[in-house]
Amino acid sequence: MKSYFIAGTDTGVGKTTITAAIAASLRKRNIDVGVMKPVATGLAQKTGFKSQDVALLHDAAQVNDDEKTINPVFLPLPTSPYDASKILNMKIDMSIVFERYRYLVKSHQMVLVEGIGGIMTPITRDFFVADMIKQMNLETIVVTRSTLGTINHTVLTIELCKKYQIPVKGLIINYFDEKGGPAERNSPSTLHEVTGLPILGIIPFVKDYQKFEVMANVVEKNMDMNVFIS
């Protein structure tokens, strides 16, 4: 089975909840799916995994992999990895990231790798999320918003994927904002027209979006899960 990189057009578009939901849904199908959040930032949790996102992915996928394997790099500041590394005077070693990724690929039938921010979020001064995707040689699924501005952000993301020669399987449109208006309801067809990419799923607003069991059911109803296992 193929592994995938789950990228986003921006931060806060719902990459983590979507990735966790897909992982939980695949587990229901008895698929041994691993998860990875190579680089995470944010305030450290007092208990359990430092990153709340990593904890969610771990629980959804029901894996036994430890925190350092799923999340090799954690920077305890809510900012971009590069900014956090400068403020904290911490060097980010990408060789560890790729070493842990290779281990996960060998340990599971497939792996879902979740990015951080958008694909041009800097990890180091001259190494971006797009560079990480390219080096992992993964086909990418892009999660995008349903709100105003999504067409611009999505097209820019896809154009940069082309520049980096990153294959994109399709788009997932996440209606995480319940305040979307009539214009936003037209964005799925427009995004398909302007990018030429298939819409893999349109995820409606979910109040309990942080509960992966709830999100898994929603994803199953609004996506063809065979996309991931064919």
Protein backbone atom coordinates (compact mmCIF):
# COMPACT_ATOMS: atom_id res chain seq x y z
CA MET A 1 0.00 0.00 0.00
CA LYS A 2 1.09 3.57 -0.66
CA SER A 3 1.90 6.06 2.05
CA TYR A 4 0.72 9.67 1.80
CA PHE A 5 1.71 13.13 2.97
CA ILE A 6 -1.22 15.20 4.24
CA ALA A 7 -0.40 18.82 3.48
CA GLY A 8 -2.41 21.99 4.01
CA THR A 9 -2.88 25.30 2.28
CA ASP A 10 -2.21 27.02 5.60
CA THR A 11 -2.11 26.46 9.32
CA GLY A 12 -5.42 25.73 11.04
CA VAL A 13 -7.15 24.10 8.06
CA GLY A 14 -7.77 20.85 9.92
CA LYS A 15 -4.87 18.67 8.76
CA THR A 16 -4.55 16.90 12.09
CA THR A 17 -8.21 16.06 12.58
CA ILE A 18 -8.56 14.91 8.98
CA THR A 19 -5.41 12.76 9.19
CA ALA A 20 -6.54 11.25 12.50
CA ALA A 21 -9.98 10.51 11.08
CA ILE A 22 -8.55 8.81 7.99
CA ALA A 23 -6.21 6.75 10.18
CA ALA A 24 -9.07 5.65 12.46
CA SER A 25 -11.21 4.74 9.46
CA LEU A 26 -8.41 2.67 7.92
CA ARG A 27 -7.91 0.89 11.25
CA LYS A 28 -11.57 -0.15 11.13
CA ARG A 29 -10.69 -1.90 7.89
CA ASN A 30 -7.90 -3.81 9.65
CA ILE A 31 -5.22 -1.85 7.83
CA ASP A 32 -2.01 -1.36 9.81
CA VAL A 33 -1.60 2.36 9.31
CA GLY A 34 1.23 4.29 10.92
CA VAL A 35 1.15 8.02 11.58
CA MET A 36 3.84 10.66 11.72
CA LYS A 37 4.05 14.35 12.52
CA PRO A 38 7.74 14.93 11.71
CA VAL A 39 7.89 18.44 13.14
CA ALA A 40 5.50 19.96 15.67
CA THR A 41 5.46 23.24 17.57
CA GLY A 42 3.25 24.64 20.32
CA LEU A 43 2.90 24.73 24.08
CA ALA A 44 3.84 21.38 25.59
CA GLN A 45 1.09 19.39 27.29
CA LYS A 46 1.66 18.67 30.97
CA THR A 47 0.89 14.97 30.59
CA GLY A 48 1.27 12.44 27.79
CA PHE A 49 2.73 13.49 24.46
CA LYS A 50 4.11 17.00 24.35
CA SER A 51 2.11 17.83 21.23
CA GLN A 52 -1.68 17.60 21.37
CA ASP A 53 -1.72 16.92 17.62
CA VAL A 54 0.65 13.98 18.00
CA ALA A 55 -1.43 12.55 20.85
CA LEU A 56 -4.53 12.69 18.65
CA LEU A 57 -2.80 10.95 15.74
CA HIS A 58 -1.37 8.26 18.05
CA ASP A 59 -4.75 7.49 19.64
CA ALA A 60 -6.61 7.47 16.33
CA ALA A 61 -4.19 5.07 14.64
CA GLN A 62 -3.90 2.83 17.73
CA VAL A 63 -0.17 2.41 17.20
CA ASN A 64 2.50 1.34 19.66
CA ASP A 65 5.15 3.64 18.22
CA ASP A 66 6.67 5.98 20.79
CA GLU A 67 6.60 9.76 20.78
CA LYS A 68 10.11 10.22 19.39
CA THR A 69 9.28 7.97 16.46
CA ILE A 70 5.99 9.65 15.57
CA ASN A 71 7.28 13.14 16.32
CA PRO A 72 11.09 13.37 16.12
CA VAL A 73 11.14 17.17 16.42
CA PHE A 74 9.07 19.14 18.93
CA LEU A 75 9.67 22.82 19.58
CA PRO A 76 7.75 24.25 22.58
CA LEU A 77 6.68 27.52 20.99
CA PRO A 78 3.51 28.21 18.95
CA THR A 79 5.27 29.52 15.85
CA SER A 80 6.97 28.23 12.71
CA PRO A 81 9.71 25.63 13.25
CA TYR A 82 12.42 27.95 11.94
CA ASP A 83 11.34 30.85 14.15
CA ALA A 84 11.04 28.54 17.17
CA SER A 85 14.50 27.06 16.55
CA LYS A 86 16.02 30.54 16.45
CA ILE A 87 14.29 31.73 19.61
CA LEU A 88 15.08 28.52 21.51
CA ASN A 89 18.57 28.21 20.02
CA MET A 90 17.82 24.64 18.97
CA LYS A 91 19.13 23.00 15.81
CA ILE A 92 16.68 20.88 13.80
CA ASP A 93 18.28 17.66 12.56
CA MET A 94 16.32 16.45 9.53
CA SER A 95 18.39 13.27 9.26
CA ILE A 96 16.61 11.97 12.38
CA VAL A 97 13.25 12.76 10.79
CA PHE A 98 14.04 10.74 7.68
CA GLU A 99 15.51 7.89 9.75
CA ARG A 100 12.28 7.63 11.80
CA TYR A 101 10.18 7.86 8.64
CA ARG A 102 12.03 4.93 7.06
CA TYR A 103 11.47 2.92 10.26
CA LEU A 104 7.72 3.61 10.19
CA VAL A 105 7.42 2.65 6.53
CA LYS A 106 9.02 -0.71 7.30
CA SER A 107 6.85 -1.22 10.39
CA HIS A 108 3.39 -0.55 8.90
CA GLN A 109 1.41 -1.34 5.76
CA MET A 110 1.14 2.38 5.08
CA VAL A 111 2.00 5.66 6.79
CA LEU A 112 0.15 8.97 6.89
CA VAL A 113 2.59 11.84 7.36
CA GLU A 114 1.09 15.14 8.46
CA GLY A 115 2.83 18.40 7.66
CA ILE A 116 3.03 21.62 9.64
CA GLY A 117 1.45 24.83 8.35
CA GLY A 118 1.53 25.24 4.59
CA ILE A 119 3.99 23.60 2.22
CA MET A 120 6.29 26.65 2.26
CA THR A 121 6.47 26.79 6.04
CA PRO A 122 10.21 26.99 6.83
CA ILE A 123 11.68 24.20 8.93
CA THR A 124 15.17 25.65 8.67
CA ARG A 125 16.31 28.77 6.84
CA ASP A 126 16.53 27.04 3.47
CA PHE A 127 14.50 23.86 4.01
CA PHE A 128 10.72 23.99 3.72
CA VAL A 129 7.86 21.52 4.18
CA ALA A 130 7.89 21.07 0.40
CA ASP A 131 11.53 19.94 0.60
CA MET A 132 10.58 17.38 3.22
CA ILE A 133 7.75 16.00 1.06
CA LYS A 134 10.10 15.82 -1.91
CA GLN A 135 12.77 13.95 0.03
CA MET A 136 10.20 11.49 1.40
CA ASN A 137 9.04 10.95 -2.19
CA LEU A 138 5.38 10.87 -1.15
CA GLU A 139 2.21 11.55 -3.07
CA THR A 140 0.39 14.38 -1.38
CA ILE A 141 -3.19 15.08 -0.39
CA VAL A 142 -3.96 18.76 0.19
CA VAL A 143 -6.44 19.85 2.86
CA THR A 144 -7.97 23.23 2.14
CA ARG A 145 -10.57 25.55 3.62
CA SER A 146 -14.06 26.31 2.45
CA THR A 147 -13.88 29.98 3.38
CA LEU A 148 -13.05 33.14 1.42
CA GLY A 149 -9.48 33.10 0.12
CA THR A 150 -9.30 29.35 -0.34
CA ILE A 151 -9.03 29.52 -4.14
CA ASN A 152 -5.93 31.71 -4.01
CA HIS A 153 -4.26 29.65 -1.27
CA THR A 154 -5.08 26.34 -2.94
CA VAL A 155 -3.88 27.36 -6.41
CA LEU A 156 -0.63 28.72 -4.97
CA THR A 157 -0.11 25.46 -3.06
CA ILE A 158 -0.69 23.33 -6.15
CA GLU A 159 1.57 25.50 -8.29
CA LEU A 160 4.37 25.09 -5.76
CA CYS A 161 3.82 21.33 -5.75
CA LYS A 162 4.30 21.41 -9.52
CA LYS A 163 7.49 23.44 -9.09
CA TYR A 164 8.84 20.86 -6.63
CA GLN A 165 7.53 18.00 -8.79
CA ILE A 166 5.40 16.72 -5.91
CA PRO A 167 2.49 14.57 -7.16
CA VAL A 168 -0.87 15.60 -5.71
CA LYS A 169 -3.58 12.95 -5.45
CA GLY A 170 -6.40 15.41 -4.81
CA LEU A 171 -8.02 17.90 -2.47
CA ILE A 172 -10.02 17.53 0.73
CA ILE A 173 -12.21 20.54 1.44
CA ASN A 174 -12.79 20.98 5.15
CA TYR A 175 -15.80 23.03 6.25
CA PHE A 176 -14.35 23.55 9.70
CA ASP A 177 -15.92 27.04 9.88
CA GLU A 178 -19.70 26.88 10.27
CA LYS A 179 -19.99 30.52 9.17
CA GLY A 180 -19.33 29.83 5.49
CA GLY A 181 -21.59 31.80 3.14
CA PRO A 182 -23.19 31.14 -0.28
CA ALA A 183 -20.03 32.04 -2.22
CA GLU A 184 -17.99 29.46 -0.30
CA ARG A 185 -20.46 26.72 -1.25
CA ASN A 186 -19.34 27.09 -4.87
CA SER A 187 -15.66 26.62 -4.02
CA PRO A 188 -15.52 22.80 -4.53
CA SER A 189 -16.46 22.96 -8.22
CA THR A 190 -14.29 26.03 -8.75
CA LEU A 191 -11.28 24.42 -7.06
CA HIS A 192 -11.67 21.38 -9.28
CA GLU A 193 -11.92 23.55 -12.39
CA VAL A 194 -8.90 25.76 -11.66
CA THR A 195 -6.57 23.04 -10.33
CA GLY A 196 -7.69 20.10 -12.47
CA LEU A 197 -7.51 17.92 -9.35
CA PRO A 198 -10.20 15.59 -8.03
CA ILE A 199 -12.08 16.53 -4.88
CA LEU A 200 -11.48 13.51 -2.65
CA GLY A 201 -13.88 14.65 0.02
CA ILE A 202 -15.97 17.55 1.29
CA ILE A 203 -16.05 17.41 5.08
CA PRO A 204 -18.97 19.26 6.70
CA PHE A 205 -18.71 21.31 9.87
CA VAL A 206 -18.43 19.02 12.90
CA LYS A 207 -18.86 20.46 16.37
CA ASP A 208 -16.93 17.64 18.06
CA TYR A 209 -14.11 17.73 15.51
CA GLN A 210 -11.47 16.89 18.14
CA LYS A 211 -13.05 13.47 18.74
CA PHE A 212 -11.46 11.23 16.14
CA GLU A 213 -14.21 8.61 16.46
CA VAL A 214 -16.79 11.21 15.43
CA MET A 215 -14.61 12.57 12.65
CA ALA A 216 -13.88 9.05 11.35
CA ASN A 217 -17.61 8.46 10.84
CA VAL A 218 -17.97 11.80 9.09
CA VAL A 219 -14.99 11.12 6.82
CA GLU A 220 -16.34 7.68 5.90
CA LYS A 221 -19.64 9.22 4.85
CA ASN A 222 -18.04 11.99 2.81
CA MET A 223 -14.99 10.31 1.25
CA ASP A 224 -14.31 7.17 -0.74
CA MET A 225 -11.83 5.38 1.51
CA ASN A 226 -10.85 3.12 -1.37
CA VAL A 227 -8.75 6.06 -2.56
CA PHE A 228 -6.22 5.14 0.14
CA ILE A 229 -6.16 1.38 -0.33
CA SER A 230 -6.47 0.93 -4.11
